[in-house]
Amino acid sequence: MPAPAEQPPTTHGGTTHFGFREVPEADKAPLVRRVFDSVAPRYDLMNDLMSAGVHRLWKSTLIAAIAPRPGELLLDVAGGTGDIATRYLEALDGAGDPAEAMDARAIVCDINGEMLNVGRDRMIDGGRLGGVAWVAGDAEHLPIASSSVDVYTIAFGLRNVTHIDQALAEARRVLKPGGRFFCLEFSRVVLPVLDRLYDLYSFQVLPRLGQWVTGDRDAYQYLVESIRKFPSQGQLARQVSDAGLDRVRVRNLSGGVAAIHAAWRL
């Protein structure tokens, strides 16, 4: 695994959105951390219930787009419980030199320690003792050396950062020349009837489901609102390009409920 490289914090002022609320920029990260502290033990269960399991298909599509290659190093940012890293490593199982299995082929980086603990325990319980490193870090100031990773992923995490442009700049910094960027995130529904049904389900059903499963309605109210505040497919594609990443491509999933943005660092 590359040696960590601490980045100096970027100074910002003013306010930003936390769901539909305006909060001081300095308050957003602690508020987001509190949300995920609350839901960490049942986060993956809620993902299954909220999406009727469709999130698994989206993540499988992401891994297929990555097409993991032996010898490459994945950095999964906002990787939480390690779902993407687990799928990535499973795709590599049986490929390449077996000795590489004991080396870190994936780094899971998340600002939330509770999510990392859940993911690490689950991976150990599943019998995987090597191949992954767990790192506490902020997407806007990654504790990862420059030009050190082959693949950068962020799945359902970019909308939770305070400064998206800073997180994208960090993605470019840590990628090697020729490295690949992938963002899987909720997006804007592009089908006329589905968009209204999706709004109804999101605002009326999901917070109640969150209350029932995790005991925290507010956390899922925030998650619904954060999706609506996130840039559209075209807006995010422009931001990825402005960050210095090239050949940006967008693939809508389930009518735009989610989307994959992919790009290269050339």
Protein backbone atom coordinates (compact mmCIF):
# COMPACT_ATOMS: atom_id res chain seq x y z
CA MET A 1 0.00 0.00 0.00
CA PRO A 2 1.36 3.48 -0.79
CA ALA A 3 2.63 5.53 2.09
CA PRO A 4 0.05 7.97 3.45
CA ALA A 5 0.51 11.60 2.52
CA GLU A 6 -1.33 14.08 4.66
CA GLN A 7 -2.85 17.01 2.80
CA PRO A 8 -3.24 20.48 4.29
CA PRO A 9 -6.86 21.42 4.89
CA THR A 10 -8.51 23.73 2.42
CA THR A 11 -10.02 26.83 3.96
CA HIS A 12 -13.62 27.60 3.06
CA GLY A 13 -16.22 29.86 4.55
CA GLY A 14 -19.93 30.44 4.25
CA THR A 15 -22.69 27.88 4.29
CA THR A 16 -23.58 24.69 2.48
CA HIS A 17 -26.54 22.32 2.33
CA PHE A 18 -27.18 19.46 4.72
CA GLY A 19 -30.19 17.98 3.00
CA PHE A 20 -32.57 20.90 2.55
CA ARG A 21 -31.04 22.81 5.49
CA GLU A 22 -28.36 25.47 5.15
CA VAL A 23 -25.57 24.95 7.69
CA PRO A 24 -22.09 26.43 8.21
CA GLU A 25 -19.60 24.60 6.02
CA ALA A 26 -17.60 23.50 9.04
CA ASP A 27 -20.69 21.74 10.46
CA LYS A 28 -21.51 19.49 7.52
CA ALA A 29 -18.86 16.79 7.99
CA PRO A 30 -19.70 16.25 11.69
CA LEU A 31 -23.41 16.12 10.85
CA VAL A 32 -22.83 13.54 8.11
CA ARG A 33 -20.62 11.53 10.46
CA ARG A 34 -23.40 11.49 13.03
CA VAL A 35 -25.86 10.19 10.42
CA PHE A 36 -23.65 7.25 9.54
CA ASP A 37 -22.69 6.54 13.15
CA SER A 38 -26.40 6.06 13.74
CA VAL A 39 -27.14 3.76 10.81
CA ALA A 40 -23.83 1.84 10.46
CA PRO A 41 -24.96 -1.48 12.02
CA ARG A 42 -27.93 -1.80 9.64
CA TYR A 43 -26.67 0.26 6.72
CA ASP A 44 -26.39 -2.63 4.26
CA LEU A 45 -29.74 -4.09 5.33
CA MET A 46 -31.35 -0.71 4.68
CA ASN A 47 -29.74 -0.55 1.24
CA ASP A 48 -31.38 -3.87 0.39
CA LEU A 49 -34.78 -2.80 1.71
CA MET A 50 -34.78 0.71 0.19
CA SER A 51 -33.80 -0.47 -3.29
CA ALA A 52 -35.45 -3.91 -3.19
CA GLY A 53 -31.94 -5.26 -3.78
CA VAL A 54 -31.39 -3.26 -6.97
CA HIS A 55 -28.32 -1.57 -5.47
CA ARG A 56 -26.58 -4.95 -5.81
CA LEU A 57 -27.16 -4.88 -9.57
CA TRP A 58 -25.83 -1.31 -9.75
CA LYS A 59 -22.69 -2.32 -7.87
CA SER A 60 -22.23 -5.39 -10.07
CA THR A 61 -22.49 -3.09 -13.09
CA LEU A 62 -19.83 -0.86 -11.55
CA ILE A 63 -17.44 -3.77 -10.99
CA ALA A 64 -18.03 -4.97 -14.56
CA ALA A 65 -17.18 -1.47 -15.83
CA ILE A 66 -13.97 -1.46 -13.75
CA ALA A 67 -12.99 -4.94 -15.02
CA PRO A 68 -10.50 -5.49 -12.16
CA ARG A 69 -7.00 -6.45 -13.26
CA PRO A 70 -4.38 -8.34 -11.23
CA GLY A 71 -1.69 -6.06 -9.86
CA GLU A 72 -3.85 -2.94 -9.77
CA LEU A 73 -4.63 -1.11 -6.54
CA LEU A 74 -8.15 0.11 -5.81
CA LEU A 75 -8.93 3.06 -3.56
CA ASP A 76 -12.59 3.03 -2.54
CA VAL A 77 -13.41 6.41 -0.99
CA ALA A 78 -16.39 6.73 1.35
CA GLY A 79 -16.10 2.95 1.20
CA GLY A 80 -17.93 2.45 4.49
CA THR A 81 -18.64 -1.21 5.07
CA GLY A 82 -16.38 -2.35 2.23
CA ASP A 83 -19.07 -3.53 -0.17
CA ILE A 84 -17.30 -2.27 -3.30
CA ALA A 85 -13.88 -3.47 -2.14
CA THR A 86 -15.29 -6.92 -1.36
CA ARG A 87 -16.79 -7.20 -4.84
CA TYR A 88 -13.56 -5.95 -6.40
CA LEU A 89 -11.47 -8.52 -4.54
CA GLU A 90 -13.92 -11.31 -5.35
CA ALA A 91 -13.55 -10.44 -9.03
CA LEU A 92 -9.78 -10.84 -8.63
CA ASP A 93 -9.92 -14.12 -6.68
CA GLY A 94 -8.13 -16.81 -8.61
CA ALA A 95 -6.44 -14.33 -10.95
CA GLY A 96 -2.75 -13.52 -10.91
CA ASP A 97 -0.16 -14.60 -8.36
CA PRO A 98 -1.78 -16.18 -5.25
CA ALA A 99 0.89 -14.49 -3.12
CA GLU A 100 -0.65 -11.13 -4.02
CA ALA A 101 -3.75 -12.09 -2.02
CA MET A 102 -1.90 -11.27 1.19
CA ASP A 103 -0.94 -7.81 -0.05
CA ALA A 104 -3.27 -4.86 -0.02
CA ARG A 105 -4.99 -4.76 -3.39
CA ALA A 106 -7.74 -2.49 -2.12
CA ILE A 107 -7.88 0.43 0.30
CA VAL A 108 -11.17 1.33 1.92
CA CYS A 109 -11.12 4.96 3.04
CA ASP A 110 -13.97 6.49 5.00
CA ILE A 111 -14.35 9.40 7.40
CA ASN A 112 -16.62 7.32 9.62
CA GLY A 113 -14.93 4.89 11.99
CA GLU A 114 -18.14 3.03 12.84
CA MET A 115 -18.70 2.16 9.18
CA LEU A 116 -15.10 0.97 8.82
CA ASN A 117 -15.42 -1.21 11.92
CA VAL A 118 -18.58 -2.86 10.58
CA GLY A 119 -16.93 -3.51 7.22
CA ARG A 120 -13.68 -4.86 8.67
CA ASP A 121 -15.54 -7.21 11.05
CA ARG A 122 -17.78 -8.45 8.25
CA MET A 123 -14.84 -9.14 5.97
CA ILE A 124 -13.02 -11.08 8.70
CA ASP A 125 -16.18 -13.03 9.51
CA GLY A 126 -16.38 -13.89 5.82
CA GLY A 127 -12.91 -15.38 5.96
CA ARG A 128 -11.00 -12.67 4.08
CA LEU A 129 -7.96 -11.80 6.16
CA GLY A 130 -5.77 -10.13 3.52
CA GLY A 131 -5.98 -8.01 0.42
CA VAL A 132 -7.56 -4.91 1.94
CA ALA A 133 -6.44 -2.00 4.11
CA TRP A 134 -8.81 0.17 6.14
CA VAL A 135 -7.98 3.88 6.39
CA ALA A 136 -9.83 6.66 8.20
CA GLY A 137 -9.79 9.73 5.98
CA ASP A 138 -11.72 12.59 4.44
CA ALA A 139 -12.52 12.50 0.71
CA GLU A 140 -11.46 16.15 0.47
CA HIS A 141 -8.05 15.54 2.11
CA LEU A 142 -7.11 11.94 1.37
CA PRO A 143 -4.28 10.45 3.48
CA ILE A 144 -2.98 8.73 0.34
CA ALA A 145 0.18 9.47 -1.65
CA SER A 146 -0.12 11.26 -4.98
CA SER A 147 -0.10 9.17 -8.18
CA SER A 148 -0.31 5.92 -6.19
CA VAL A 149 -3.56 4.13 -7.07
CA ASP A 150 -4.81 2.58 -10.30
CA VAL A 151 -8.56 2.76 -9.70
CA TYR A 152 -10.52 5.29 -7.64
CA THR A 153 -14.14 4.55 -6.75
CA ILE A 154 -16.69 6.43 -4.73
CA ALA A 155 -20.14 4.84 -4.43
CA PHE A 156 -23.03 6.73 -2.86
CA GLY A 157 -20.59 8.98 -1.03
CA LEU A 158 -19.84 12.00 -3.18
CA ARG A 159 -23.12 13.70 -2.33
CA ASN A 160 -22.13 13.69 1.35
CA VAL A 161 -18.92 15.69 0.96
CA THR A 162 -18.94 19.42 1.63
CA HIS A 163 -16.93 20.47 -1.44
CA ILE A 164 -17.42 18.15 -4.41
CA ASP A 165 -14.80 19.95 -6.51
CA GLN A 166 -12.17 19.42 -3.81
CA ALA A 167 -13.01 15.71 -3.58
CA LEU A 168 -12.71 15.36 -7.36
CA ALA A 169 -9.36 17.20 -7.32
CA GLU A 170 -8.17 14.72 -4.68
CA ALA A 171 -9.32 11.83 -6.88
CA ARG A 172 -7.14 13.10 -9.70
CA ARG A 173 -4.19 13.70 -7.35
CA VAL A 174 -4.05 10.14 -6.00
CA LEU A 175 -4.58 8.43 -9.37
CA LYS A 176 -1.57 7.33 -11.38
CA PRO A 177 -1.33 8.60 -14.95
CA GLY A 178 -3.55 6.18 -16.82
CA GLY A 179 -5.60 5.57 -13.68
CA ARG A 180 -9.37 5.31 -13.80
CA PHE A 181 -12.10 7.16 -11.89
CA PHE A 182 -15.59 5.78 -11.17
CA CYS A 183 -18.43 7.42 -9.28
CA LEU A 184 -21.67 5.50 -8.61
CA GLU A 185 -24.27 7.84 -7.19
CA PHE A 186 -27.98 8.52 -7.08
CA SER A 187 -28.87 10.92 -9.86
CA ARG A 188 -31.78 12.50 -11.72
CA VAL A 189 -34.55 10.26 -13.03
CA VAL A 190 -34.94 10.75 -16.78
CA LEU A 191 -38.26 8.91 -17.32
CA PRO A 192 -41.36 11.14 -17.01
CA VAL A 193 -43.62 8.80 -14.99
CA LEU A 194 -40.88 7.18 -12.94
CA ASP A 195 -39.70 10.53 -11.59
CA ARG A 196 -43.04 11.21 -9.87
CA LEU A 197 -43.28 7.69 -8.44
CA TYR A 198 -39.69 7.93 -7.23
CA ASP A 199 -40.39 11.23 -5.45
CA LEU A 200 -43.44 9.76 -3.74
CA TYR A 201 -41.52 6.68 -2.62
CA SER A 202 -38.50 8.69 -1.48
CA PHE A 203 -40.29 11.24 0.67
CA GLN A 204 -43.19 9.17 1.96
CA VAL A 205 -41.77 5.66 2.34
CA LEU A 206 -38.01 5.79 2.90
CA PRO A 207 -37.94 7.91 6.10
CA ARG A 208 -40.60 5.64 7.64
CA LEU A 209 -38.63 2.56 6.61
CA GLY A 210 -35.51 4.07 8.16
CA GLN A 211 -37.36 4.66 11.41
CA TRP A 212 -38.62 1.09 11.49
CA VAL A 213 -35.29 -0.61 10.69
CA THR A 214 -32.70 1.70 12.29
CA GLY A 215 -34.76 3.81 14.69
CA ASP A 216 -33.50 6.96 12.94
CA ARG A 217 -36.01 8.62 10.63
CA ASP A 218 -34.00 11.84 10.38
CA ALA A 219 -30.96 10.05 8.94
CA TYR A 220 -32.97 8.76 6.00
CA GLN A 221 -34.81 12.05 5.58
CA TYR A 222 -31.36 13.61 5.14
CA LEU A 223 -30.31 10.93 2.65
CA VAL A 224 -33.41 11.55 0.52
CA GLU A 225 -32.85 15.29 0.60
CA SER A 226 -29.15 14.95 -0.18
CA ILE A 227 -30.01 13.08 -3.38
CA ARG A 228 -32.20 15.96 -4.53
CA LYS A 229 -29.42 18.48 -3.84
CA PHE A 230 -26.82 16.50 -5.79
CA PRO A 231 -25.83 17.73 -9.28
CA SER A 232 -27.49 16.26 -12.35
CA GLN A 233 -25.67 13.85 -14.62
CA GLY A 234 -24.53 16.64 -16.95
CA GLN A 235 -23.50 18.97 -14.15
CA LEU A 236 -21.42 16.32 -12.45
CA ALA A 237 -19.80 15.32 -15.75
CA ARG A 238 -18.65 18.92 -16.18
CA GLN A 239 -17.27 19.02 -12.65
CA VAL A 240 -15.34 15.78 -13.23
CA SER A 241 -13.88 17.27 -16.41
CA ASP A 242 -13.06 20.57 -14.69
CA ALA A 243 -11.11 18.59 -12.05
CA GLY A 244 -8.69 17.53 -14.80
CA LEU A 245 -10.06 14.08 -15.51
CA ASP A 246 -10.52 13.11 -19.16
CA ARG A 247 -12.84 11.09 -21.39
CA VAL A 248 -15.79 11.47 -19.02
CA ARG A 249 -18.62 9.05 -19.66
CA VAL A 250 -22.03 8.76 -18.00
CA ARG A 251 -24.19 5.64 -17.80
CA ASN A 252 -27.70 5.90 -16.38
CA LEU A 253 -28.98 2.99 -14.30
CA SER A 254 -32.67 2.22 -13.67
CA GLY A 255 -33.84 5.21 -15.67
CA GLY A 256 -31.44 7.61 -13.98
CA VAL A 257 -32.24 6.67 -10.38
CA ALA A 258 -28.49 6.11 -10.23
CA ALA A 259 -25.64 6.80 -12.63
CA ILE A 260 -22.02 5.83 -13.14
CA HIS A 261 -19.58 8.59 -14.09
CA ALA A 262 -16.29 7.21 -15.40
CA ALA A 263 -13.13 9.05 -16.46
CA TRP A 264 -9.39 8.67 -16.88
CA ARG A 265 -6.40 10.51 -15.50
CA LEU A 266 -4.24 10.93 -18.61
